[in-house]
């Protein structure tokens, strides 16, 4: 049921999702911060799995940088759109395959296949069942080569509670608010699709004892989280914005910031 809700939601918002990470400076912060850490940890060359990669924003970006890519996503409309973008940017030689499938079951892929595995923007958050989330994490790690980075980002529970205060106060009295607050899980009945929102300690624990070394956890929007209008306003001043981005990168791994950021990234390598 959850997978069908996710497919339905993203089928209706393919172009919106493609534009989301570059639509304004605030949203670009998630994209650019993720790329900053990918640049830090990815090998110089190699084959990367973009698992749950949606319409292919990261596949296109990394292929354009010379990586060989495989894109996997559960929503056919996303994959059809991604194929058009790959052709448009003449990246077909770099994108070896575009596969329909779920991160919960990568059984068609052999162990130790990829030089890096990325699962970015929240695909893991859309696995609401805890056992299936655990299986998805194990699958992402299984298909990575020993020593390969496995980088995953999810949506934050604490940030969502702040969003409810700022934008949707009427929902604080509804049953789903307490469900999200207490469990992190949301059934998709009020606007957004089915989702599990993580606490930072829960996110770290999910990758513990799974054969990876955890290097960093990152708040991708960092101290700018939920201040979209102010950040976009600041971005008009190039000098001030440069200083702010430096400040962002200096603070985005602070534990207090990771948990309250809209999206959290964990950077690991397979042992």
C-alpha atoms as a PDB file:
ATOM      1  CA  UNK A   1       0.000   0.000   0.000  1.00  0.00           C
ATOM      2  CA  UNK A   2       2.782   2.415   0.955  1.00  0.00           C
ATOM      3  CA  UNK A   3       4.681   1.827  -2.282  1.00  0.00           C
ATOM      4  CA  UNK A   4       1.571   2.528  -4.377  1.00  0.00           C
ATOM      5  CA  UNK A   5       0.995   5.810  -2.508  1.00  0.00           C
ATOM      6  CA  UNK A   6       4.599   6.849  -3.131  1.00  0.00           C
ATOM      7  CA  UNK A   7       4.371   5.934  -6.821  1.00  0.00           C
ATOM      8  CA  UNK A   8       1.132   7.895  -7.172  1.00  0.00           C
ATOM      9  CA  UNK A   9       2.586  10.974  -5.479  1.00  0.00           C
ATOM     10  CA  UNK A  10       5.798  11.068  -7.510  1.00  0.00           C
ATOM     11  CA  UNK A  11       4.052  10.228 -10.771  1.00  0.00           C
ATOM     12  CA  UNK A  12       2.090  13.446 -10.299  1.00  0.00           C
ATOM     13  CA  UNK A  13       5.154  15.525  -9.395  1.00  0.00           C
ATOM     14  CA  UNK A  14       7.984  14.412 -11.681  1.00  0.00           C
ATOM     15  CA  UNK A  15       8.864  17.867 -13.003  1.00  0.00           C
ATOM     16  CA  UNK A  16       8.407  19.423  -9.577  1.00  0.00           C
ATOM     17  CA  UNK A  17      10.864  16.908  -8.108  1.00  0.00           C
ATOM     18  CA  UNK A  18      13.353  17.490 -10.953  1.00  0.00           C
ATOM     19  CA  UNK A  19      13.270  21.242 -10.263  1.00  0.00           C
ATOM     20  CA  UNK A  20      13.103  20.976  -6.479  1.00  0.00           C
ATOM     21  CA  UNK A  21      16.831  20.966  -5.776  1.00  0.00           C
ATOM     22  CA  UNK A  22      17.617  23.966  -7.971  1.00  0.00           C
ATOM     23  CA  UNK A  23      14.463  26.054  -7.713  1.00  0.00           C
ATOM     24  CA  UNK A  24      15.995  28.698  -5.429  1.00  0.00           C
ATOM     25  CA  UNK A  25      19.058  29.175  -3.176  1.00  0.00           C
ATOM     26  CA  UNK A  26      17.293  27.575  -0.219  1.00  0.00           C
ATOM     27  CA  UNK A  27      16.536  24.335  -2.031  1.00  0.00           C
ATOM     28  CA  UNK A  28      19.914  24.403  -3.741  1.00  0.00           C
ATOM     29  CA  UNK A  29      21.491  24.284  -0.294  1.00  0.00           C
ATOM     30  CA  UNK A  30      20.435  20.626   0.058  1.00  0.00           C
ATOM     31  CA  UNK A  31      21.853  19.815  -3.379  1.00  0.00           C
ATOM     32  CA  UNK A  32      25.111  21.724  -3.016  1.00  0.00           C
ATOM     33  CA  UNK A  33      25.802  20.462   0.504  1.00  0.00           C
ATOM     34  CA  UNK A  34      25.201  16.887  -0.622  1.00  0.00           C
ATOM     35  CA  UNK A  35      27.571  17.387  -3.554  1.00  0.00           C
ATOM     36  CA  UNK A  36      30.149  18.893  -1.202  1.00  0.00           C
ATOM     37  CA  UNK A  37      30.217  15.669   0.806  1.00  0.00           C
ATOM     38  CA  UNK A  38      30.073  13.459  -2.262  1.00  0.00           C
ATOM     39  CA  UNK A  39      33.137  15.287  -3.603  1.00  0.00           C
ATOM     40  CA  UNK A  40      34.849  14.592  -0.280  1.00  0.00           C
ATOM     41  CA  UNK A  41      34.115  10.855  -0.154  1.00  0.00           C
ATOM     42  CA  UNK A  42      33.458   9.506  -3.655  1.00  0.00           C
ATOM     43  CA  UNK A  43      36.323   7.848  -5.527  1.00  0.00           C
ATOM     44  CA  UNK A  44      37.723   9.833  -8.447  1.00  0.00           C
ATOM     45  CA  UNK A  45      36.108   7.448 -10.952  1.00  0.00           C
ATOM     46  CA  UNK A  46      33.883   4.401 -10.850  1.00  0.00           C
ATOM     47  CA  UNK A  47      30.403   2.934 -11.093  1.00  0.00           C
ATOM     48  CA  UNK A  48      27.768   4.492  -8.817  1.00  0.00           C
ATOM     49  CA  UNK A  49      24.273   3.260  -7.979  1.00  0.00           C
ATOM     50  CA  UNK A  50      21.778   6.120  -7.633  1.00  0.00           C
ATOM     51  CA  UNK A  51      19.173   4.191  -5.629  1.00  0.00           C
ATOM     52  CA  UNK A  52      15.752   5.808  -5.442  1.00  0.00           C
ATOM     53  CA  UNK A  53      17.154   8.516  -7.693  1.00  0.00           C
ATOM     54  CA  UNK A  54      13.777   9.818  -8.899  1.00  0.00           C
ATOM     55  CA  UNK A  55      13.935  11.821 -12.130  1.00  0.00           C
ATOM     56  CA  UNK A  56      17.723  11.615 -12.121  1.00  0.00           C
ATOM     57  CA  UNK A  57      19.078  14.911 -10.809  1.00  0.00           C
ATOM     58  CA  UNK A  58      22.096  13.268  -9.146  1.00  0.00           C
ATOM     59  CA  UNK A  59      22.559  10.742 -11.955  1.00  0.00           C
ATOM     60  CA  UNK A  60      22.783  13.563 -14.497  1.00  0.00           C
ATOM     61  CA  UNK A  61      25.106  15.624 -12.297  1.00  0.00           C
ATOM     62  CA  UNK A  62      27.510  12.795 -11.517  1.00  0.00           C
ATOM     63  CA  UNK A  63      27.474  11.402 -15.060  1.00  0.00           C
ATOM     64  CA  UNK A  64      28.399  14.875 -16.299  1.00  0.00           C
ATOM     65  CA  UNK A  65      31.390  14.717 -13.935  1.00  0.00           C
ATOM     66  CA  UNK A  66      32.599  11.487 -15.525  1.00  0.00           C
ATOM     67  CA  UNK A  67      31.133   8.801 -13.286  1.00  0.00           C
ATOM     68  CA  UNK A  68      29.437   5.704 -14.667  1.00  0.00           C
ATOM     69  CA  UNK A  69      25.909   5.541 -13.284  1.00  0.00           C
ATOM     70  CA  UNK A  70      23.017   3.161 -12.774  1.00  0.00           C
ATOM     71  CA  UNK A  71      19.728   4.822 -11.831  1.00  0.00           C
ATOM     72  CA  UNK A  72      17.097   2.837  -9.943  1.00  0.00           C
ATOM     73  CA  UNK A  73      13.681   4.117  -8.922  1.00  0.00           C
ATOM     74  CA  UNK A  74      10.272   2.684  -8.101  1.00  0.00           C
ATOM     75  CA  UNK A  75       8.257   5.178 -10.188  1.00  0.00           C
ATOM     76  CA  UNK A  76       8.141   4.570 -13.974  1.00  0.00           C
ATOM     77  CA  UNK A  77       7.260   8.222 -14.693  1.00  0.00           C
ATOM     78  CA  UNK A  78      10.468   9.322 -12.962  1.00  0.00           C
ATOM     79  CA  UNK A  79      12.528   6.920 -15.042  1.00  0.00           C
ATOM     80  CA  UNK A  80      10.914   7.972 -18.312  1.00  0.00           C
ATOM     81  CA  UNK A  81      11.696  11.601 -17.497  1.00  0.00           C
ATOM     82  CA  UNK A  82      15.267  10.709 -16.481  1.00  0.00           C
ATOM     83  CA  UNK A  83      15.863   8.917 -19.783  1.00  0.00           C
ATOM     84  CA  UNK A  84      14.841  12.066 -21.669  1.00  0.00           C
ATOM     85  CA  UNK A  85      17.227  14.186 -19.611  1.00  0.00           C
ATOM     86  CA  UNK A  86      20.039  11.712 -20.104  1.00  0.00           C
ATOM     87  CA  UNK A  87      19.522  11.900 -23.869  1.00  0.00           C
ATOM     88  CA  UNK A  88      19.217  15.685 -23.797  1.00  0.00           C
ATOM     89  CA  UNK A  89      22.544  16.093 -22.033  1.00  0.00           C
ATOM     90  CA  UNK A  90      24.191  13.376 -24.179  1.00  0.00           C
ATOM     91  CA  UNK A  91      25.045  11.264 -21.156  1.00  0.00           C
ATOM     92  CA  UNK A  92      23.924   7.849 -22.412  1.00  0.00           C
ATOM     93  CA  UNK A  93      27.524   6.553 -22.630  1.00  0.00           C
ATOM     94  CA  UNK A  94      27.898   7.243 -18.904  1.00  0.00           C
ATOM     95  CA  UNK A  95      24.503   5.971 -17.703  1.00  0.00           C
ATOM     96  CA  UNK A  96      24.777   2.222 -18.090  1.00  0.00           C
ATOM     97  CA  UNK A  97      21.211   1.397 -17.085  1.00  0.00           C
ATOM     98  CA  UNK A  98      17.942   2.845 -15.805  1.00  0.00           C
ATOM     99  CA  UNK A  99      16.083   0.283 -13.701  1.00  0.00           C
ATOM    100  CA  UNK A 100      12.593   0.153 -12.233  1.00  0.00           C
ATOM    101  CA  UNK A 101      12.821  -1.264  -8.732  1.00  0.00           C
ATOM    102  CA  UNK A 102      12.641  -0.691  -5.001  1.00  0.00           C
ATOM    103  CA  UNK A 103      15.569  -0.145  -2.670  1.00  0.00           C
ATOM    104  CA  UNK A 104      14.038  -2.838  -0.460  1.00  0.00           C
ATOM    105  CA  UNK A 105      14.889  -5.516  -3.035  1.00  0.00           C
ATOM    106  CA  UNK A 106      18.099  -5.187  -5.059  1.00  0.00           C
ATOM    107  CA  UNK A 107      18.331  -8.950  -5.614  1.00  0.00           C
ATOM    108  CA  UNK A 108      18.966  -8.511  -9.352  1.00  0.00           C
ATOM    109  CA  UNK A 109      22.279  -6.873  -8.420  1.00  0.00           C
ATOM    110  CA  UNK A 110      25.239  -8.969  -7.261  1.00  0.00           C
ATOM    111  CA  UNK A 111      27.151  -8.359  -4.046  1.00  0.00           C
ATOM    112  CA  UNK A 112      30.069  -5.914  -4.127  1.00  0.00           C
ATOM    113  CA  UNK A 113      29.134  -4.367  -7.483  1.00  0.00           C
ATOM    114  CA  UNK A 114      29.440  -0.595  -7.018  1.00  0.00           C
ATOM    115  CA  UNK A 115      32.296   1.779  -6.272  1.00  0.00           C
ATOM    116  CA  UNK A 116      29.753   3.961  -4.432  1.00  0.00           C
ATOM    117  CA  UNK A 117      26.060   3.827  -3.532  1.00  0.00           C
ATOM    118  CA  UNK A 118      23.915   6.931  -3.053  1.00  0.00           C
ATOM    119  CA  UNK A 119      20.315   7.108  -1.880  1.00  0.00           C
ATOM    120  CA  UNK A 120      19.497  10.794  -1.646  1.00  0.00           C
ATOM    121  CA  UNK A 121      16.593  13.099  -0.910  1.00  0.00           C
ATOM    122  CA  UNK A 122      14.553  10.671   1.143  1.00  0.00           C
ATOM    123  CA  UNK A 123      13.812   7.329  -0.597  1.00  0.00           C
ATOM    124  CA  UNK A 124      14.580   5.549   2.677  1.00  0.00           C
ATOM    125  CA  UNK A 125      12.070   7.832   4.420  1.00  0.00           C
ATOM    126  CA  UNK A 126       9.351   6.515   2.114  1.00  0.00           C
ATOM    127  CA  UNK A 127       9.831   3.004   3.503  1.00  0.00           C
ATOM    128  CA  UNK A 128       7.446   3.263   6.445  1.00  0.00           C
ATOM    129  CA  UNK A 129       7.736  -0.339   7.664  1.00  0.00           C
ATOM    130  CA  UNK A 130      10.726  -0.632  10.008  1.00  0.00           C
ATOM    131  CA  UNK A 131      11.704  -4.143   8.898  1.00  0.00           C
ATOM    132  CA  UNK A 132      11.658  -3.101   5.249  1.00  0.00           C
ATOM    133  CA  UNK A 133      13.767  -0.019   6.054  1.00  0.00           C
ATOM    134  CA  UNK A 134      16.305  -2.262   7.729  1.00  0.00           C
ATOM    135  CA  UNK A 135      16.318  -4.562   4.699  1.00  0.00           C
ATOM    136  CA  UNK A 136      16.761  -1.578   2.350  1.00  0.00           C
ATOM    137  CA  UNK A 137      19.811  -0.391   4.295  1.00  0.00           C
ATOM    138  CA  UNK A 138      21.313  -3.877   4.195  1.00  0.00           C
ATOM    139  CA  UNK A 139      20.677  -4.063   0.452  1.00  0.00           C
ATOM    140  CA  UNK A 140      22.337  -0.696  -0.208  1.00  0.00           C
ATOM    141  CA  UNK A 141      25.383  -1.855   1.723  1.00  0.00           C
ATOM    142  CA  UNK A 142      25.418  -5.346   0.177  1.00  0.00           C
ATOM    143  CA  UNK A 143      25.756  -4.094  -3.400  1.00  0.00           C
ATOM    144  CA  UNK A 144      28.635  -1.736  -2.514  1.00  0.00           C
ATOM    145  CA  UNK A 145      32.227  -2.916  -2.829  1.00  0.00           C
ATOM    146  CA  UNK A 146      34.364  -3.120   0.318  1.00  0.00           C
ATOM    147  CA  UNK A 147      35.728   0.363   0.954  1.00  0.00           C
ATOM    148  CA  UNK A 148      32.991   2.010  -1.121  1.00  0.00           C
ATOM    149  CA  UNK A 149      31.056   4.997   0.260  1.00  0.00           C
ATOM    150  CA  UNK A 150      27.374   4.496   1.008  1.00  0.00           C
ATOM    151  CA  UNK A 151      25.666   7.897   1.367  1.00  0.00           C
ATOM    152  CA  UNK A 152      22.010   8.200   2.356  1.00  0.00           C
ATOM    153  CA  UNK A 153      19.809  11.172   3.183  1.00  0.00           C
ATOM    154  CA  UNK A 154      16.414  11.191   4.896  1.00  0.00           C
ATOM    155  CA  UNK A 155      13.770  13.602   6.149  1.00  0.00           C
ATOM    156  CA  UNK A 156      13.906  14.881   9.725  1.00  0.00           C
ATOM    157  CA  UNK A 157      11.199  14.454  12.348  1.00  0.00           C
ATOM    158  CA  UNK A 158      12.237  17.460  14.446  1.00  0.00           C
ATOM    159  CA  UNK A 159      12.263  19.753  11.428  1.00  0.00           C
ATOM    160  CA  UNK A 160       8.803  18.584  10.413  1.00  0.00           C
ATOM    161  CA  UNK A 161       7.434  19.464  13.848  1.00  0.00           C
ATOM    162  CA  UNK A 162       8.819  22.976  13.356  1.00  0.00           C
ATOM    163  CA  UNK A 163       7.141  23.131   9.926  1.00  0.00           C
ATOM    164  CA  UNK A 164       3.833  22.228  11.567  1.00  0.00           C
ATOM    165  CA  UNK A 165       4.271  25.151  13.970  1.00  0.00           C
ATOM    166  CA  UNK A 166       5.177  27.587  11.212  1.00  0.00           C
ATOM    167  CA  UNK A 167       2.810  26.565   8.427  1.00  0.00           C
ATOM    168  CA  UNK A 168       0.178  24.084   9.581  1.00  0.00           C
ATOM    169  CA  UNK A 169      -0.829  24.896  13.130  1.00  0.00           C
ATOM    170  CA  UNK A 170      -4.323  23.513  12.561  1.00  0.00           C
ATOM    171  CA  UNK A 171      -2.768  20.059  12.136  1.00  0.00           C
ATOM    172  CA  UNK A 172      -1.272  20.083  15.642  1.00  0.00           C
ATOM    173  CA  UNK A 173      -4.682  19.046  16.966  1.00  0.00           C
ATOM    174  CA  UNK A 174      -5.051  16.177  14.489  1.00  0.00           C
ATOM    175  CA  UNK A 175      -4.147  12.544  15.320  1.00  0.00           C
ATOM    176  CA  UNK A 176      -1.416  12.297  12.689  1.00  0.00           C
ATOM    177  CA  UNK A 177       0.586  15.064  14.418  1.00  0.00           C
ATOM    178  CA  UNK A 178       1.052  12.980  17.568  1.00  0.00           C
ATOM    179  CA  UNK A 179       1.738   9.897  15.478  1.00  0.00           C
ATOM    180  CA  UNK A 180       4.587  11.677  13.684  1.00  0.00           C
ATOM    181  CA  UNK A 181       5.844  13.217  16.926  1.00  0.00           C
ATOM    182  CA  UNK A 182       5.879   9.897  18.774  1.00  0.00           C
ATOM    183  CA  UNK A 183       6.785   7.386  16.035  1.00  0.00           C
ATOM    184  CA  UNK A 184       8.036   9.380  13.038  1.00  0.00           C
ATOM    185  CA  UNK A 185       5.611   7.608  10.714  1.00  0.00           C
ATOM    186  CA  UNK A 186       2.921   9.236   8.573  1.00  0.00           C
ATOM    187  CA  UNK A 187       0.328   7.455   6.447  1.00  0.00           C
ATOM    188  CA  UNK A 188       0.077  10.056   3.702  1.00  0.00           C
ATOM    189  CA  UNK A 189      -3.471  11.223   4.359  1.00  0.00           C
ATOM    190  CA  UNK A 190      -2.811  14.985   4.550  1.00  0.00           C
ATOM    191  CA  UNK A 191      -1.035  16.406   1.495  1.00  0.00           C
ATOM    192  CA  UNK A 192       2.327  14.626   1.475  1.00  0.00           C
ATOM    193  CA  UNK A 193       2.789  10.927   0.719  1.00  0.00           C
ATOM    194  CA  UNK A 194       3.540   8.114   3.195  1.00  0.00           C
ATOM    195  CA  UNK A 195       6.802   8.800   4.986  1.00  0.00           C
ATOM    196  CA  UNK A 196       8.941   8.011   8.007  1.00  0.00           C
ATOM    197  CA  UNK A 197      10.664  11.026   9.519  1.00  0.00           C
ATOM    198  CA  UNK A 198      13.882  10.240  11.390  1.00  0.00           C
ATOM    199  CA  UNK A 199      15.412  11.405  14.628  1.00  0.00           C
ATOM    200  CA  UNK A 200      19.199  11.786  14.235  1.00  0.00           C
ATOM    201  CA  UNK A 201      20.034   9.115  16.798  1.00  0.00           C
ATOM    202  CA  UNK A 202      17.568   6.750  15.120  1.00  0.00           C
ATOM    203  CA  UNK A 203      19.208   7.395  11.747  1.00  0.00           C
ATOM    204  CA  UNK A 204      22.690   6.665  13.086  1.00  0.00           C
ATOM    205  CA  UNK A 205      21.493   3.540  14.890  1.00  0.00           C
ATOM    206  CA  UNK A 206      19.940   2.249  11.661  1.00  0.00           C
ATOM    207  CA  UNK A 207      23.442   2.030  10.138  1.00  0.00           C
ATOM    208  CA  UNK A 208      25.192   0.699  13.246  1.00  0.00           C
ATOM    209  CA  UNK A 209      26.370  -2.922  13.264  1.00  0.00           C
ATOM    210  CA  UNK A 210      25.768  -3.321   9.534  1.00  0.00           C
ATOM    211  CA  UNK A 211      29.320  -3.614   8.313  1.00  0.00           C
ATOM    212  CA  UNK A 212      29.971   0.067   7.636  1.00  0.00           C
ATOM    213  CA  UNK A 213      32.083   2.778   9.206  1.00  0.00           C
ATOM    214  CA  UNK A 214      30.058   5.917   9.910  1.00  0.00           C
ATOM    215  CA  UNK A 215      32.118   8.996   9.065  1.00  0.00           C
ATOM    216  CA  UNK A 216      29.767  11.953   9.296  1.00  0.00           C
ATOM    217  CA  UNK A 217      26.182  13.024   9.755  1.00  0.00           C
ATOM    218  CA  UNK A 218      25.218  16.269   8.066  1.00  0.00           C
ATOM    219  CA  UNK A 219      22.274  18.670   8.314  1.00  0.00           C
ATOM    220  CA  UNK A 220      21.863  19.514   4.635  1.00  0.00           C
ATOM    221  CA  UNK A 221      19.946  22.769   5.127  1.00  0.00           C
ATOM    222  CA  UNK A 222      21.724  23.274   8.433  1.00  0.00           C
ATOM    223  CA  UNK A 223      21.116  26.443  10.406  1.00  0.00           C
ATOM    224  CA  UNK A 224      19.113  27.793   7.462  1.00  0.00           C
ATOM    225  CA  UNK A 225      16.404  25.143   7.900  1.00  0.00           C
ATOM    226  CA  UNK A 226      12.875  26.500   7.655  1.00  0.00           C
ATOM    227  CA  UNK A 227      14.159  30.002   6.847  1.00  0.00           C
ATOM    228  CA  UNK A 228      13.638  29.834   3.089  1.00  0.00           C
ATOM    229  CA  UNK A 229      12.511  33.423   2.592  1.00  0.00           C
ATOM    230  CA  UNK A 230      15.392  34.892   4.611  1.00  0.00           C
ATOM    231  CA  UNK A 231      18.009  32.733   2.927  1.00  0.00           C
ATOM    232  CA  UNK A 232      16.745  33.569  -0.551  1.00  0.00           C
ATOM    233  CA  UNK A 233      16.823  37.233   0.406  1.00  0.00           C
ATOM    234  CA  UNK A 234      20.400  36.944   1.710  1.00  0.00           C
ATOM    235  CA  UNK A 235      21.511  35.183  -1.484  1.00  0.00           C
ATOM    236  CA  UNK A 236      20.955  38.431  -3.405  1.00  0.00           C
ATOM    237  CA  UNK A 237      24.033  39.816  -1.641  1.00  0.00           C
ATOM    238  CA  UNK A 238      26.930  37.777  -3.036  1.00  0.00           C
ATOM    239  CA  UNK A 239      29.461  38.743  -0.369  1.00  0.00           C
ATOM    240  CA  UNK A 240      27.176  38.119   2.596  1.00  0.00           C
ATOM    241  CA  UNK A 241      25.909  34.892   1.099  1.00  0.00           C
ATOM    242  CA  UNK A 242      29.441  33.591   0.597  1.00  0.00           C
ATOM    243  CA  UNK A 243      30.151  34.167   4.282  1.00  0.00           C
ATOM    244  CA  UNK A 244      26.868  32.501   5.220  1.00  0.00           C
ATOM    245  CA  UNK A 245      27.692  29.401   3.128  1.00  0.00           C
ATOM    246  CA  UNK A 246      31.083  29.176   4.845  1.00  0.00           C
ATOM    247  CA  UNK A 247      29.252  29.352   8.168  1.00  0.00           C
ATOM    248  CA  UNK A 248      26.812  26.693   7.007  1.00  0.00           C
ATOM    249  CA  UNK A 249      29.596  24.250   6.113  1.00  0.00           C
ATOM    250  CA  UNK A 250      31.350  24.912   9.425  1.00  0.00           C
ATOM    251  CA  UNK A 251      28.213  24.117  11.439  1.00  0.00           C
ATOM    252  CA  UNK A 252      26.196  21.567   9.442  1.00  0.00           C
ATOM    253  CA  UNK A 253      27.758  18.547  11.183  1.00  0.00           C
ATOM    254  CA  UNK A 254      27.065  19.862  14.689  1.00  0.00           C
ATOM    255  CA  UNK A 255      24.724  17.380  16.413  1.00  0.00           C
ATOM    256  CA  UNK A 256      22.294  20.125  17.371  1.00  0.00           C
ATOM    257  CA  UNK A 257      22.034  21.175  13.737  1.00  0.00           C
ATOM    258  CA  UNK A 258      21.839  17.723  12.147  1.00  0.00           C
ATOM    259  CA  UNK A 259      18.647  16.824  13.979  1.00  0.00           C
ATOM    260  CA  UNK A 260      16.763  19.999  13.182  1.00  0.00           C
ATOM    261  CA  UNK A 261      17.735  20.203   9.505  1.00  0.00           C
ATOM    262  CA  UNK A 262      15.021  19.331   6.975  1.00  0.00           C
ATOM    263  CA  UNK A 263      17.216  16.603   5.472  1.00  0.00           C
ATOM    264  CA  UNK A 264      19.984  14.607   7.150  1.00  0.00           C
ATOM    265  CA  UNK A 265      22.831  12.892   5.303  1.00  0.00           C
ATOM    266  CA  UNK A 266      24.839   9.989   6.686  1.00  0.00           C
ATOM    267  CA  UNK A 267      28.203   9.204   5.102  1.00  0.00           C
ATOM    268  CA  UNK A 268      29.546   5.683   5.567  1.00  0.00           C
ATOM    269  CA  UNK A 269      31.971   3.301   3.922  1.00  0.00           C
ATOM    270  CA  UNK A 270      31.577  -0.453   3.678  1.00  0.00           C
ATOM    271  CA  UNK A 271      34.116  -2.380   5.721  1.00  0.00           C
END
